[in-house]
Amino acid sequence: LFSCTSVLDSMLFKPFTLCDRNVQSILRDE
């Protein structure tokens, strides 16, 4: 889903509630 395509990159930067932001930041940053 993420190595060679940007199709789902919008979900890595979309504003979310705090608990969902944890999942989002782990996905993006880790």
PDB file of all heavy atoms in Angstrom:
ATOM      1  N   LEU A   1       0.800  -1.225   0.000  1.00  0.00           N
ATOM      2  CA  LEU A   1       0.000   0.000   0.000  1.00  0.00           C
ATOM      3  C   LEU A   1       0.835   1.280   0.000  1.00  0.00           C
ATOM      4  O   LEU A   1       0.363   2.318  -0.468  1.00  0.00           O
ATOM      5  CB  LEU A   1      -0.917   0.029   1.227  1.00  0.00           C
ATOM      6  CG  LEU A   1      -2.087  -0.934   1.220  1.00  0.00           C
ATOM      7  CD1 LEU A   1      -2.790  -0.905   2.570  1.00  0.00           C
ATOM      8  CD2 LEU A   1      -3.058  -0.597   0.107  1.00  0.00           C
ATOM      9  N   PHE A   2       2.065   1.222   0.540  1.00  0.00           N
ATOM     10  CA  PHE A   2       2.794   2.470   0.748  1.00  0.00           C
ATOM     11  C   PHE A   2       4.194   2.574   0.135  1.00  0.00           C
ATOM     12  O   PHE A   2       4.699   3.666  -0.013  1.00  0.00           O
ATOM     13  CB  PHE A   2       2.910   2.753   2.251  1.00  0.00           C
ATOM     14  CG  PHE A   2       1.588   3.046   2.886  1.00  0.00           C
ATOM     15  CD1 PHE A   2       0.988   2.115   3.705  1.00  0.00           C
ATOM     16  CD2 PHE A   2       0.925   4.236   2.651  1.00  0.00           C
ATOM     17  CE1 PHE A   2      -0.244   2.367   4.306  1.00  0.00           C
ATOM     18  CE2 PHE A   2      -0.298   4.504   3.238  1.00  0.00           C
ATOM     19  CZ  PHE A   2      -0.891   3.570   4.068  1.00  0.00           C
ATOM     20  N   SER A   3       4.841   1.484  -0.207  1.00  0.00           N
ATOM     21  CA  SER A   3       6.234   1.596  -0.644  1.00  0.00           C
ATOM     22  C   SER A   3       6.395   2.340  -1.962  1.00  0.00           C
ATOM     23  O   SER A   3       7.261   3.209  -2.074  1.00  0.00           O
ATOM     24  CB  SER A   3       6.894   0.220  -0.732  1.00  0.00           C
ATOM     25  OG  SER A   3       6.255  -0.574  -1.708  1.00  0.00           O
ATOM     26  N   CYS A   4       5.600   2.034  -2.949  1.00  0.00           N
ATOM     27  CA  CYS A   4       5.809   2.589  -4.293  1.00  0.00           C
ATOM     28  C   CYS A   4       4.597   3.311  -4.867  1.00  0.00           C
ATOM     29  O   CYS A   4       4.523   3.546  -6.071  1.00  0.00           O
ATOM     30  CB  CYS A   4       6.245   1.466  -5.238  1.00  0.00           C
ATOM     31  SG  CYS A   4       7.809   0.706  -4.767  1.00  0.00           S
ATOM     32  N   THR A   5       3.656   3.669  -4.041  1.00  0.00           N
ATOM     33  CA  THR A   5       2.472   4.385  -4.532  1.00  0.00           C
ATOM     34  C   THR A   5       2.034   5.435  -3.509  1.00  0.00           C
ATOM     35  O   THR A   5       2.228   5.260  -2.309  1.00  0.00           O
ATOM     36  CB  THR A   5       1.315   3.417  -4.836  1.00  0.00           C
ATOM     37  OG1 THR A   5       0.202   4.168  -5.314  1.00  0.00           O
ATOM     38  CG2 THR A   5       0.893   2.630  -3.621  1.00  0.00           C
ATOM     39  N   SER A   6       1.437   6.498  -4.011  1.00  0.00           N
ATOM     40  CA  SER A   6       0.970   7.572  -3.124  1.00  0.00           C
ATOM     41  C   SER A   6      -0.551   7.619  -3.034  1.00  0.00           C
ATOM     42  O   SER A   6      -1.109   8.579  -2.501  1.00  0.00           O
ATOM     43  CB  SER A   6       1.491   8.922  -3.630  1.00  0.00           C
ATOM     44  OG  SER A   6       0.976   9.172  -4.928  1.00  0.00           O
ATOM     45  N   VAL A   7      -1.222   6.604  -3.518  1.00  0.00           N
ATOM     46  CA  VAL A   7      -2.687   6.594  -3.575  1.00  0.00           C
ATOM     47  C   VAL A   7      -3.320   6.855  -2.214  1.00  0.00           C
ATOM     48  O   VAL A   7      -4.306   7.574  -2.116  1.00  0.00           O
ATOM     49  CB  VAL A   7      -3.193   5.258  -4.174  1.00  0.00           C
ATOM     50  CG1 VAL A   7      -4.695   5.142  -4.063  1.00  0.00           C
ATOM     51  CG2 VAL A   7      -2.756   5.138  -5.619  1.00  0.00           C
ATOM     52  N   LEU A   8      -2.747   6.295  -1.141  1.00  0.00           N
ATOM     53  CA  LEU A   8      -3.337   6.455   0.192  1.00  0.00           C
ATOM     54  C   LEU A   8      -2.586   7.458   1.069  1.00  0.00           C
ATOM     55  O   LEU A   8      -2.852   7.552   2.262  1.00  0.00           O
ATOM     56  CB  LEU A   8      -3.396   5.097   0.895  1.00  0.00           C
ATOM     57  CG  LEU A   8      -4.293   4.066   0.226  1.00  0.00           C
ATOM     58  CD1 LEU A   8      -4.198   2.728   0.939  1.00  0.00           C
ATOM     59  CD2 LEU A   8      -5.729   4.545   0.187  1.00  0.00           C
ATOM     60  N   ASP A   9      -1.681   8.230   0.486  1.00  0.00           N
ATOM     61  CA  ASP A   9      -0.910   9.187   1.288  1.00  0.00           C
ATOM     62  C   ASP A   9      -1.776  10.238   1.968  1.00  0.00           C
ATOM     63  O   ASP A   9      -1.418  10.750   3.017  1.00  0.00           O
ATOM     64  CB  ASP A   9       0.153   9.881   0.435  1.00  0.00           C
ATOM     65  CG  ASP A   9       1.398   9.034   0.257  1.00  0.00           C
ATOM     66  OD1 ASP A   9       1.357   7.824   0.595  1.00  0.00           O
ATOM     67  OD2 ASP A   9       2.411   9.571  -0.212  1.00  0.00           O
ATOM     68  N   SER A  10      -2.913  10.553   1.397  1.00  0.00           N
ATOM     69  CA  SER A  10      -3.780  11.568   2.009  1.00  0.00           C
ATOM     70  C   SER A  10      -4.184  11.175   3.421  1.00  0.00           C
ATOM     71  O   SER A  10      -4.332  12.028   4.290  1.00  0.00           O
ATOM     72  CB  SER A  10      -5.021  11.809   1.157  1.00  0.00           C
ATOM     73  OG  SER A  10      -5.794  10.626   1.080  1.00  0.00           O
ATOM     74  N   MET A  11      -4.333   9.870   3.698  1.00  0.00           N
ATOM     75  CA  MET A  11      -4.730   9.450   5.043  1.00  0.00           C
ATOM     76  C   MET A  11      -3.597   9.618   6.051  1.00  0.00           C
ATOM     77  O   MET A  11      -3.824   9.588   7.244  1.00  0.00           O
ATOM     78  CB  MET A  11      -5.253   8.023   5.042  1.00  0.00           C
ATOM     79  CG  MET A  11      -4.230   6.949   4.937  1.00  0.00           C
ATOM     80  SD  MET A  11      -5.055   5.341   4.973  1.00  0.00           S
ATOM     81  CE  MET A  11      -3.810   4.367   5.753  1.00  0.00           C
ATOM     82  N   LEU A  12      -2.369   9.822   5.578  1.00  0.00           N
ATOM     83  CA  LEU A  12      -1.241  10.018   6.486  1.00  0.00           C
ATOM     84  C   LEU A  12      -1.166  11.443   7.013  1.00  0.00           C
ATOM     85  O   LEU A  12      -0.461  11.720   7.979  1.00  0.00           O
ATOM     86  CB  LEU A  12       0.072   9.672   5.773  1.00  0.00           C
ATOM     87  CG  LEU A  12       0.199   8.242   5.260  1.00  0.00           C
ATOM     88  CD1 LEU A  12       1.477   8.088   4.459  1.00  0.00           C
ATOM     89  CD2 LEU A  12       0.161   7.259   6.410  1.00  0.00           C
ATOM     90  N   PHE A  13      -1.891  12.378   6.387  1.00  0.00           N
ATOM     91  CA  PHE A  13      -1.804  13.793   6.766  1.00  0.00           C
ATOM     92  C   PHE A  13      -3.157  14.424   7.079  1.00  0.00           C
ATOM     93  O   PHE A  13      -3.219  15.559   7.508  1.00  0.00           O
ATOM     94  CB  PHE A  13      -1.117  14.584   5.643  1.00  0.00           C
ATOM     95  CG  PHE A  13       0.275  14.111   5.395  1.00  0.00           C
ATOM     96  CD1 PHE A  13       0.541  13.203   4.387  1.00  0.00           C
ATOM     97  CD2 PHE A  13       1.322  14.530   6.193  1.00  0.00           C
ATOM     98  CE1 PHE A  13       1.829  12.733   4.169  1.00  0.00           C
ATOM     99  CE2 PHE A  13       2.606  14.074   5.989  1.00  0.00           C
ATOM    100  CZ  PHE A  13       2.856  13.176   4.973  1.00  0.00           C
ATOM    101  N   LYS A  14      -4.224  13.691   6.895  1.00  0.00           N
ATOM    102  CA  LYS A  14      -5.581  14.171   7.164  1.00  0.00           C
ATOM    103  C   LYS A  14      -5.758  14.393   8.664  1.00  0.00           C
ATOM    104  O   LYS A  14      -5.292  13.591   9.463  1.00  0.00           O
ATOM    105  CB  LYS A  14      -6.535  13.092   6.653  1.00  0.00           C
ATOM    106  CG  LYS A  14      -7.983  13.413   6.727  1.00  0.00           C
ATOM    107  CD  LYS A  14      -8.763  12.238   6.116  1.00  0.00           C
ATOM    108  CE  LYS A  14     -10.232  12.376   6.359  1.00  0.00           C
ATOM    109  NZ  LYS A  14     -10.974  11.238   5.808  1.00  0.00           N
ATOM    110  N   PRO A  15      -6.400  15.506   9.093  1.00  0.00           N
ATOM    111  CA  PRO A  15      -6.623  15.732  10.527  1.00  0.00           C
ATOM    112  C   PRO A  15      -7.591  14.703  11.119  1.00  0.00           C
ATOM    113  O   PRO A  15      -8.622  14.404  10.529  1.00  0.00           O
ATOM    114  CB  PRO A  15      -7.218  17.133  10.604  1.00  0.00           C
ATOM    115  CG  PRO A  15      -7.404  17.600   9.216  1.00  0.00           C
ATOM    116  CD  PRO A  15      -6.912  16.571   8.259  1.00  0.00           C
ATOM    117  N   PHE A  16      -7.231  14.168  12.276  1.00  0.00           N
ATOM    118  CA  PHE A  16      -8.053  13.173  12.962  1.00  0.00           C
ATOM    119  C   PHE A  16      -8.164  13.509  14.435  1.00  0.00           C
ATOM    120  O   PHE A  16      -7.421  14.333  14.955  1.00  0.00           O
ATOM    121  CB  PHE A  16      -7.432  11.771  12.840  1.00  0.00           C
ATOM    122  CG  PHE A  16      -7.514  11.195  11.468  1.00  0.00           C
ATOM    123  CD1 PHE A  16      -6.390  11.129  10.674  1.00  0.00           C
ATOM    124  CD2 PHE A  16      -8.705  10.731  10.953  1.00  0.00           C
ATOM    125  CE1 PHE A  16      -6.449  10.603   9.403  1.00  0.00           C
ATOM    126  CE2 PHE A  16      -8.780  10.199   9.688  1.00  0.00           C
ATOM    127  CZ  PHE A  16      -7.649  10.137   8.906  1.00  0.00           C
ATOM    128  N   THR A  17      -9.066  12.808  15.117  1.00  0.00           N
ATOM    129  CA  THR A  17      -9.152  12.931  16.567  1.00  0.00           C
ATOM    130  C   THR A  17      -7.856  12.396  17.183  1.00  0.00           C
ATOM    131  O   THR A  17      -7.100  11.675  16.535  1.00  0.00           O
ATOM    132  CB  THR A  17     -10.346  12.130  17.111  1.00  0.00           C
ATOM    133  OG1 THR A  17     -10.149  10.761  16.797  1.00  0.00           O
ATOM    134  CG2 THR A  17     -11.656  12.613  16.530  1.00  0.00           C
ATOM    135  N   LEU A  18      -7.623  12.702  18.436  1.00  0.00           N
ATOM    136  CA  LEU A  18      -6.361  12.353  19.090  1.00  0.00           C
ATOM    137  C   LEU A  18      -6.060  10.860  19.042  1.00  0.00           C
ATOM    138  O   LEU A  18      -4.963  10.451  18.690  1.00  0.00           O
ATOM    139  CB  LEU A  18      -6.361  12.843  20.544  1.00  0.00           C
ATOM    140  CG  LEU A  18      -5.076  12.573  21.317  1.00  0.00           C
ATOM    141  CD1 LEU A  18      -3.892  13.230  20.624  1.00  0.00           C
ATOM    142  CD2 LEU A  18      -5.195  13.049  22.735  1.00  0.00           C
ATOM    143  N   CYS A  19      -7.024  10.003  19.380  1.00  0.00           N
ATOM    144  CA  CYS A  19      -6.742   8.564  19.407  1.00  0.00           C
ATOM    145  C   CYS A  19      -6.415   8.042  18.012  1.00  0.00           C
ATOM    146  O   CYS A  19      -5.535   7.201  17.842  1.00  0.00           O
ATOM    147  CB  CYS A  19      -7.879   7.781  20.033  1.00  0.00           C
ATOM    148  SG  CYS A  19      -9.419   7.859  19.121  1.00  0.00           S
ATOM    149  N   ASP A  20      -7.098   8.540  16.995  1.00  0.00           N
ATOM    150  CA  ASP A  20      -6.807   8.104  15.634  1.00  0.00           C
ATOM    151  C   ASP A  20      -5.501   8.701  15.122  1.00  0.00           C
ATOM    152  O   ASP A  20      -4.846   8.131  14.267  1.00  0.00           O
ATOM    153  CB  ASP A  20      -7.951   8.460  14.706  1.00  0.00           C
ATOM    154  CG  ASP A  20      -9.226   7.736  15.072  1.00  0.00           C
ATOM    155  OD1 ASP A  20      -9.161   6.706  15.770  1.00  0.00           O
ATOM    156  OD2 ASP A  20     -10.292   8.205  14.665  1.00  0.00           O
ATOM    157  N   ARG A  21      -5.137   9.856  15.666  1.00  0.00           N
ATOM    158  CA  ARG A  21      -3.860  10.471  15.286  1.00  0.00           C
ATOM    159  C   ARG A  21      -2.687   9.608  15.710  1.00  0.00           C
ATOM    160  O   ARG A  21      -1.650   9.609  15.065  1.00  0.00           O
ATOM    161  CB  ARG A  21      -3.743  11.857  15.914  1.00  0.00           C
ATOM    162  CG  ARG A  21      -3.512  12.927  14.892  1.00  0.00           C
ATOM    163  CD  ARG A  21      -3.333  14.263  15.505  1.00  0.00           C
ATOM    164  NE  ARG A  21      -4.204  14.439  16.643  1.00  0.00           N
ATOM    165  CZ  ARG A  21      -4.634  15.594  17.080  1.00  0.00           C
ATOM    166  NH1 ARG A  21      -4.275  16.679  16.492  1.00  0.00           N
ATOM    167  NH2 ARG A  21      -5.419  15.670  18.124  1.00  0.00           N
ATOM    168  N   ASN A  22      -2.836   8.859  16.803  1.00  0.00           N
ATOM    169  CA  ASN A  22      -1.772   7.945  17.225  1.00  0.00           C
ATOM    170  C   ASN A  22      -1.509   6.901  16.147  1.00  0.00           C
ATOM    171  O   ASN A  22      -0.364   6.643  15.785  1.00  0.00           O
ATOM    172  CB  ASN A  22      -2.122   7.247  18.542  1.00  0.00           C
ATOM    173  CG  ASN A  22      -2.117   8.197  19.703  1.00  0.00           C
ATOM    174  OD1 ASN A  22      -1.460   9.227  19.671  1.00  0.00           O
ATOM    175  ND2 ASN A  22      -2.858   7.858  20.735  1.00  0.00           N
ATOM    176  N   VAL A  23      -2.562   6.296  15.630  1.00  0.00           N
ATOM    177  CA  VAL A  23      -2.422   5.301  14.564  1.00  0.00           C
ATOM    178  C   VAL A  23      -1.834   5.965  13.325  1.00  0.00           C
ATOM    179  O   VAL A  23      -0.930   5.430  12.681  1.00  0.00           O
ATOM    180  CB  VAL A  23      -3.776   4.631  14.254  1.00  0.00           C
ATOM    181  CG1 VAL A  23      -3.685   3.763  13.010  1.00  0.00           C
ATOM    182  CG2 VAL A  23      -4.244   3.820  15.442  1.00  0.00           C
ATOM    183  N   GLN A  24      -2.339   7.131  12.997  1.00  0.00           N
ATOM    184  CA  GLN A  24      -1.857   7.858  11.820  1.00  0.00           C
ATOM    185  C   GLN A  24      -0.370   8.181  11.938  1.00  0.00           C
ATOM    186  O   GLN A  24       0.398   7.963  10.997  1.00  0.00           O
ATOM    187  CB  GLN A  24      -2.651   9.149  11.658  1.00  0.00           C
ATOM    188  CG  GLN A  24      -2.247   9.967  10.453  1.00  0.00           C
ATOM    189  CD  GLN A  24      -2.930  11.318  10.442  1.00  0.00           C
ATOM    190  OE1 GLN A  24      -2.998  11.980  11.481  1.00  0.00           O
ATOM    191  NE2 GLN A  24      -3.425  11.714   9.292  1.00  0.00           N
ATOM    192  N   SER A  25       0.071   8.667  13.088  1.00  0.00           N
ATOM    193  CA  SER A  25       1.485   9.023  13.239  1.00  0.00           C
ATOM    194  C   SER A  25       2.384   7.789  13.247  1.00  0.00           C
ATOM    195  O   SER A  25       3.500   7.839  12.726  1.00  0.00           O
ATOM    196  CB  SER A  25       1.710   9.879  14.483  1.00  0.00           C
ATOM    197  OG  SER A  25       1.461   9.141  15.644  1.00  0.00           O
ATOM    198  N   ILE A  26       1.916   6.685  13.808  1.00  0.00           N
ATOM    199  CA  ILE A  26       2.702   5.446  13.763  1.00  0.00           C
ATOM    200  C   ILE A  26       2.854   4.997  12.311  1.00  0.00           C
ATOM    201  O   ILE A  26       3.950   4.653  11.870  1.00  0.00           O
ATOM    202  CB  ILE A  26       2.052   4.343  14.617  1.00  0.00           C
ATOM    203  CG1 ILE A  26       2.138   4.697  16.101  1.00  0.00           C
ATOM    204  CG2 ILE A  26       2.725   2.999  14.354  1.00  0.00           C
ATOM    205  CD1 ILE A  26       1.261   3.830  16.990  1.00  0.00           C
ATOM    206  N   LEU A  27       1.755   5.007  11.579  1.00  0.00           N
ATOM    207  CA  LEU A  27       1.811   4.632  10.168  1.00  0.00           C
ATOM    208  C   LEU A  27       2.798   5.517   9.402  1.00  0.00           C
ATOM    209  O   LEU A  27       3.667   5.027   8.687  1.00  0.00           O
ATOM    210  CB  LEU A  27       0.434   4.777   9.524  1.00  0.00           C
ATOM    211  CG  LEU A  27      -0.463   3.576   9.491  1.00  0.00           C
ATOM    212  CD1 LEU A  27      -1.847   3.954   8.974  1.00  0.00           C
ATOM    213  CD2 LEU A  27       0.128   2.476   8.650  1.00  0.00           C
ATOM    214  N   ARG A  28       2.650   6.818   9.552  1.00  0.00           N
ATOM    215  CA  ARG A  28       3.462   7.773   8.794  1.00  0.00           C
ATOM    216  C   ARG A  28       4.919   7.770   9.247  1.00  0.00           C
ATOM    217  O   ARG A  28       5.831   7.612   8.439  1.00  0.00           O
ATOM    218  CB  ARG A  28       2.863   9.178   8.934  1.00  0.00           C
ATOM    219  CG  ARG A  28       3.605  10.239   8.138  1.00  0.00           C
ATOM    220  CD  ARG A  28       3.082  11.630   8.434  1.00  0.00           C
ATOM    221  NE  ARG A  28       3.171  11.916   9.855  1.00  0.00           N
ATOM    222  CZ  ARG A  28       2.136  12.275  10.610  1.00  0.00           C
ATOM    223  NH1 ARG A  28       0.942  12.412  10.107  1.00  0.00           N
ATOM    224  NH2 ARG A  28       2.296  12.502  11.900  1.00  0.00           N
ATOM    225  N   ASP A  29       5.142   7.940  10.564  1.00  0.00           N
ATOM    226  CA  ASP A  29       6.492   8.195  11.073  1.00  0.00           C
ATOM    227  C   ASP A  29       7.301   6.935  11.358  1.00  0.00           C
ATOM    228  O   ASP A  29       8.526   6.969  11.261  1.00  0.00           O
ATOM    229  CB  ASP A  29       6.415   9.039  12.345  1.00  0.00           C
ATOM    230  CG  ASP A  29       5.697  10.361  12.108  1.00  0.00           C
ATOM    231  OD1 ASP A  29       5.724  10.857  10.962  1.00  0.00           O
ATOM    232  OD2 ASP A  29       5.105  10.893  13.062  1.00  0.00           O
ATOM    233  N   GLU A  30       6.632   5.828  11.706  1.00  0.00           N
ATOM    234  CA  GLU A  30       7.376   4.625  12.070  1.00  0.00           C
ATOM    235  C   GLU A  30       7.375   3.552  10.982  1.00  0.00           C
ATOM    236  O   GLU A  30       8.185   2.638  11.027  1.00  0.00           O
ATOM    237  CB  GLU A  30       6.810   4.027  13.364  1.00  0.00           C
ATOM    238  CG  GLU A  30       6.992   4.916  14.571  1.00  0.00           C
ATOM    239  CD  GLU A  30       6.525   4.260  15.851  1.00  0.00           C
ATOM    240  OE1 GLU A  30       6.668   3.024  15.985  1.00  0.00           O
ATOM    241  OE2 GLU A  30       6.001   4.980  16.728  1.00  0.00           O
TER     242      GLU A  30
END
